[in-house]
Amino acid sequence: MTSGEKLNALIAALEQIRGLLPLDKAVWDSQPVIRLAVERLWITAGNLAEVYRSENRIATVEPWSELAGYRNLLAHALPGDISSDRVFADSSTDLERMLDQVRMQIA
């Protein structure tokens, strides 16, 4: 996979999160499979971001360090370590900004 393909895969993962993320917190709370899918996509996004950053010798700056850090948090958490409320809040508030920052790499 080339760097460009990794970047496109990262954007696709972030867009999938956006597509899955319900606007309503009650819907989020009632859909455990969606919650797991969103968490897994964040892990995938973090993996892609870290490999892309490393291969392109990008300093550990946003959004790369943030994506990799969130990946580490989700990937290494034990059940109950992270509340689904936090994942919903982080996804709702940070996703668009990170997606915009990643898209700027294409320009």
Protein backbone atom coordinates (compact mmCIF):
# COMPACT_ATOMS: atom_id res chain seq x y z
CA MET A 1 0.00 0.00 0.00
CA THR A 2 1.46 3.35 -1.04
CA SER A 3 1.41 6.44 1.15
CA GLY A 4 -1.39 7.87 -0.95
CA GLU A 5 -3.40 4.71 -0.56
CA LYS A 6 -2.85 4.78 3.21
CA LEU A 7 -4.02 8.37 3.34
CA ASN A 8 -7.11 7.52 1.30
CA ALA A 9 -7.81 4.51 3.55
CA LEU A 10 -7.48 6.76 6.60
CA ILE A 11 -9.96 9.23 5.13
CA ALA A 12 -12.30 6.34 4.28
CA ALA A 13 -12.13 5.02 7.86
CA LEU A 14 -12.92 8.47 9.28
CA GLU A 15 -15.80 8.87 6.82
CA GLN A 16 -17.13 5.44 7.85
CA ILE A 17 -17.13 6.61 11.47
CA ARG A 18 -19.07 9.69 10.40
CA GLY A 19 -21.54 7.49 8.52
CA LEU A 20 -22.09 5.16 11.46
CA LEU A 21 -22.19 7.74 14.23
CA PRO A 22 -25.78 8.47 15.17
CA LEU A 23 -26.71 12.07 15.88
CA ASP A 24 -28.74 11.05 18.88
CA LYS A 25 -27.00 9.80 22.04
CA ALA A 26 -29.96 7.56 22.89
CA VAL A 27 -29.52 5.73 19.58
CA TRP A 28 -25.78 5.39 20.32
CA ASP A 29 -26.57 3.91 23.73
CA SER A 30 -29.00 1.39 22.26
CA GLN A 31 -26.67 0.10 19.52
CA PRO A 32 -23.72 -1.90 20.97
CA VAL A 33 -22.63 -3.18 17.56
CA ILE A 34 -22.36 0.36 16.22
CA ARG A 35 -20.35 1.37 19.29
CA LEU A 36 -17.93 -1.52 18.70
CA ALA A 37 -17.67 -0.75 14.99
CA VAL A 38 -16.88 2.91 15.68
CA GLU A 39 -14.22 1.95 18.22
CA ARG A 40 -12.66 -0.50 15.75
CA LEU A 41 -12.64 2.13 13.00
CA TRP A 42 -10.87 4.57 15.34
CA ILE A 43 -8.22 1.90 15.93
CA THR A 44 -7.84 1.35 12.18
CA ALA A 45 -7.61 5.11 11.61
CA GLY A 46 -4.92 5.40 14.28
CA ASN A 47 -2.93 2.55 12.77
CA LEU A 48 -3.06 4.12 9.32
CA ALA A 49 -2.20 7.57 10.68
CA GLU A 50 0.84 6.28 12.53
CA VAL A 51 2.19 4.33 9.56
CA TYR A 52 1.58 7.28 7.21
CA ARG A 53 3.24 9.71 9.63
CA SER A 54 6.24 7.44 10.11
CA GLU A 55 6.76 6.67 6.43
CA ASN A 56 6.54 10.34 5.49
CA ARG A 57 8.69 11.50 8.41
CA ILE A 58 6.01 13.84 9.70
CA ALA A 59 6.66 15.26 13.15
CA THR A 60 4.41 14.05 15.91
CA VAL A 61 1.82 16.79 15.48
CA GLU A 62 -1.93 16.91 15.09
CA PRO A 63 -3.81 15.08 13.81
CA TRP A 64 -1.24 12.27 13.67
CA SER A 65 -0.37 12.11 17.35
CA GLU A 66 -4.00 12.52 18.34
CA LEU A 67 -5.14 9.68 16.06
CA ALA A 68 -2.35 7.38 17.22
CA GLY A 69 -2.97 8.26 20.86
CA TYR A 70 -6.68 7.58 20.58
CA ARG A 71 -5.90 4.30 18.85
CA ASN A 72 -3.65 3.30 21.74
CA LEU A 73 -6.29 4.24 24.27
CA LEU A 74 -9.00 2.17 22.58
CA ALA A 75 -6.82 -0.76 21.56
CA HIS A 76 -5.32 -1.33 24.99
CA ALA A 77 -8.33 -0.58 27.18
CA LEU A 78 -9.92 -3.33 29.17
CA PRO A 79 -13.71 -3.60 29.19
CA GLY A 80 -15.07 -0.79 31.32
CA ASP A 81 -11.90 1.34 31.13
CA ILE A 82 -13.43 3.75 28.62
CA SER A 83 -17.03 4.83 28.75
CA SER A 84 -19.08 4.72 25.59
CA ASP A 85 -20.13 8.27 26.53
CA ARG A 86 -16.55 9.39 26.02
CA VAL A 87 -16.23 7.66 22.65
CA PHE A 88 -19.49 9.26 21.51
CA ALA A 89 -18.42 12.71 22.74
CA ASP A 90 -14.93 12.44 21.22
CA SER A 91 -16.36 11.21 17.93
CA SER A 92 -19.02 13.90 17.83
CA THR A 93 -16.68 16.77 18.62
CA ASP A 94 -13.35 15.81 17.05
CA LEU A 95 -14.12 13.78 13.93
CA GLU A 96 -14.80 16.59 11.44
CA ARG A 97 -11.73 18.56 12.54
CA MET A 98 -9.48 15.52 12.18
CA LEU A 99 -11.00 14.62 8.83
CA ASP A 100 -10.34 18.16 7.58
CA GLN A 101 -6.74 18.03 8.84
CA VAL A 102 -6.10 14.72 7.09
CA ARG A 103 -7.72 15.92 3.86
CA MET A 104 -5.36 18.92 3.88
CA GLN A 105 -2.51 16.45 3.31
CA ILE A 106 -3.90 15.68 -0.14
CA ALA A 107 -4.00 19.33 -1.20
